[in-house]
Amino acid sequence: MSVGNSLESQLPGVDWRANGKTVLLALSTRCHFCTESAPFFQQLSKKSGKAFKILAVLPESVTAAQDYLKREGVQVDQLRQMSLDRLGIDGTPTMLLLNGSGTVMERWVGKLNPEEQSRALKVIDGNRL
């Protein structure tokens, strides 16, 4: 999934316009980089609300995904079970910033170092889409 691509048709039922901005977290319960990134995702969760919504997409069952996110302390606004291949995502964690029409505006792949995390938060907070 590249910047400029739309996920509107791949994720029906997501109200992109109501969300305004959406941060999509493509994770897996079996991904140690996802688990190691949990503190950053917790920080992201605390900043979400009116500014942006968080949508987590995992290939595992919804129950397994809910248990995993709860255990890691990551709160999301929506959760979907789906093959990440279907979204054109081939590595976890992948974080996408989408605008109000479901178009990818920014993309981050892998475990981000502290500097990358800071930059990502600034883009998400300050990027008025």
Protein backbone atom coordinates (compact mmCIF):
# COMPACT_ATOMS: atom_id res chain seq x y z
CA MET A 1 0.00 0.00 0.00
CA SER A 2 1.55 3.25 -1.17
CA VAL A 3 0.94 6.91 -0.50
CA GLY A 4 -1.89 8.10 -2.76
CA ASN A 5 -3.74 4.76 -2.82
CA SER A 6 -7.29 4.56 -1.50
CA LEU A 7 -8.48 1.91 0.96
CA GLU A 8 -12.13 2.94 0.73
CA SER A 9 -13.21 -0.12 -1.28
CA GLN A 10 -11.03 -2.61 0.67
CA LEU A 11 -12.45 -1.54 4.04
CA PRO A 12 -16.18 -1.06 3.59
CA GLY A 13 -18.04 0.25 6.61
CA VAL A 14 -15.31 2.62 7.74
CA ASP A 15 -16.71 6.15 7.88
CA TRP A 16 -13.64 7.94 6.59
CA ARG A 17 -15.37 11.32 6.46
CA ALA A 18 -16.60 11.13 10.06
CA ASN A 19 -13.12 10.02 11.19
CA GLY A 20 -11.46 12.96 9.45
CA LYS A 21 -8.03 11.39 9.78
CA THR A 22 -7.54 7.71 10.43
CA VAL A 23 -4.39 5.96 11.59
CA LEU A 24 -4.47 2.36 10.41
CA LEU A 25 -2.30 -0.05 12.39
CA ALA A 26 -1.57 -3.27 10.51
CA LEU A 27 -0.41 -5.67 13.22
CA SER A 28 -0.11 -9.34 14.03
CA THR A 29 -0.27 -11.07 17.39
CA ARG A 30 2.77 -13.09 16.27
CA CYS A 31 4.92 -10.07 15.38
CA HIS A 32 7.57 -9.28 17.99
CA PHE A 33 8.18 -5.87 16.38
CA CYS A 34 4.47 -5.08 16.93
CA THR A 35 4.79 -6.04 20.59
CA GLU A 36 8.00 -4.01 20.95
CA SER A 37 6.16 -1.04 19.35
CA ALA A 38 3.24 -1.25 21.81
CA PRO A 39 4.47 1.65 24.01
CA PHE A 40 4.45 3.91 20.94
CA PHE A 41 0.96 2.70 19.96
CA GLN A 42 -0.19 3.40 23.54
CA GLN A 43 1.12 6.96 23.17
CA LEU A 44 -0.73 7.24 19.86
CA SER A 45 -3.93 5.95 21.51
CA LYS A 46 -3.74 8.69 24.14
CA LYS A 47 -3.57 11.36 21.42
CA SER A 48 -6.48 10.02 19.37
CA GLY A 49 -10.00 11.29 19.80
CA LYS A 50 -11.35 14.23 17.87
CA ALA A 51 -8.06 14.76 16.03
CA PHE A 52 -7.94 11.26 14.49
CA LYS A 53 -9.28 7.74 14.89
CA ILE A 54 -7.30 4.49 15.11
CA LEU A 55 -8.25 1.44 13.09
CA ALA A 56 -6.36 -1.79 13.82
CA VAL A 57 -6.29 -4.53 11.18
CA LEU A 58 -4.94 -7.95 12.13
CA PRO A 59 -5.02 -11.28 10.29
CA GLU A 60 -5.89 -13.19 13.47
CA SER A 61 -9.43 -13.63 14.81
CA VAL A 62 -11.15 -10.61 16.34
CA THR A 63 -11.07 -12.31 19.76
CA ALA A 64 -7.33 -13.00 19.54
CA ALA A 65 -6.72 -9.45 18.29
CA GLN A 66 -8.80 -7.93 21.13
CA ASP A 67 -6.93 -10.00 23.71
CA TYR A 68 -3.58 -8.99 22.21
CA LEU A 69 -4.40 -5.25 22.10
CA LYS A 70 -5.78 -5.34 25.65
CA ARG A 71 -2.69 -7.17 26.92
CA GLU A 72 -0.43 -4.61 25.22
CA GLY A 73 -2.53 -1.65 26.47
CA VAL A 74 -3.34 -0.36 22.99
CA GLN A 75 -6.80 1.18 22.61
CA VAL A 76 -8.31 1.48 19.14
CA ASP A 77 -11.55 2.94 17.79
CA GLN A 78 -12.17 0.10 15.34
CA LEU A 79 -10.82 -3.40 14.86
CA ARG A 80 -10.96 -5.51 11.71
CA GLN A 81 -9.86 -9.05 10.98
CA MET A 82 -8.47 -9.28 7.45
CA SER A 83 -5.58 -10.67 5.47
CA LEU A 84 -2.98 -7.92 5.31
CA ASP A 85 -2.08 -9.06 1.78
CA ARG A 86 -5.56 -7.95 0.72
CA LEU A 87 -4.58 -4.41 1.72
CA GLY A 88 -1.22 -4.62 -0.03
CA ILE A 89 0.63 -4.75 3.28
CA ASP A 90 3.49 -7.23 3.45
CA GLY A 91 5.18 -6.33 6.74
CA THR A 92 4.16 -5.63 10.31
CA PRO A 93 3.88 -3.31 11.97
CA THR A 94 2.73 -0.95 9.22
CA MET A 95 1.12 2.36 10.13
CA LEU A 96 -0.85 4.36 7.57
CA LEU A 97 -2.27 7.86 7.89
CA LEU A 98 -5.44 8.20 5.81
CA ASN A 99 -7.50 11.27 5.03
CA GLY A 100 -11.28 11.72 5.09
CA SER A 101 -11.70 9.88 1.80
CA GLY A 102 -9.64 6.83 2.79
CA THR A 103 -6.55 7.84 0.81
CA VAL A 104 -3.10 7.02 2.20
CA MET A 105 -1.24 10.24 3.01
CA GLU A 106 1.72 8.80 4.95
CA ARG A 107 3.17 5.32 5.49
CA TRP A 108 5.55 3.91 8.10
CA VAL A 109 6.78 0.30 8.09
CA GLY A 110 8.54 -1.63 10.84
CA LYS A 111 9.52 -0.74 14.36
CA LEU A 112 10.21 2.99 14.49
CA ASN A 113 13.13 4.37 16.44
CA PRO A 114 12.40 7.21 18.92
CA GLU A 115 13.23 9.92 16.38
CA GLU A 116 10.94 8.33 13.75
CA GLN A 117 8.18 7.98 16.36
CA SER A 118 8.46 11.67 17.24
CA ARG A 119 8.33 12.67 13.57
CA ALA A 120 5.33 10.38 12.94
CA LEU A 121 3.42 11.91 15.88
CA LYS A 122 4.14 15.41 14.57
CA VAL A 123 2.87 14.50 11.12
CA ILE A 124 -0.27 12.85 12.53
CA ASP A 125 -0.94 15.74 14.95
CA GLY A 126 -0.13 18.53 12.54
CA ASN A 127 -1.15 17.19 9.17
CA ARG A 128 -4.55 18.75 8.46
CA LEU A 129 -6.02 16.58 5.76
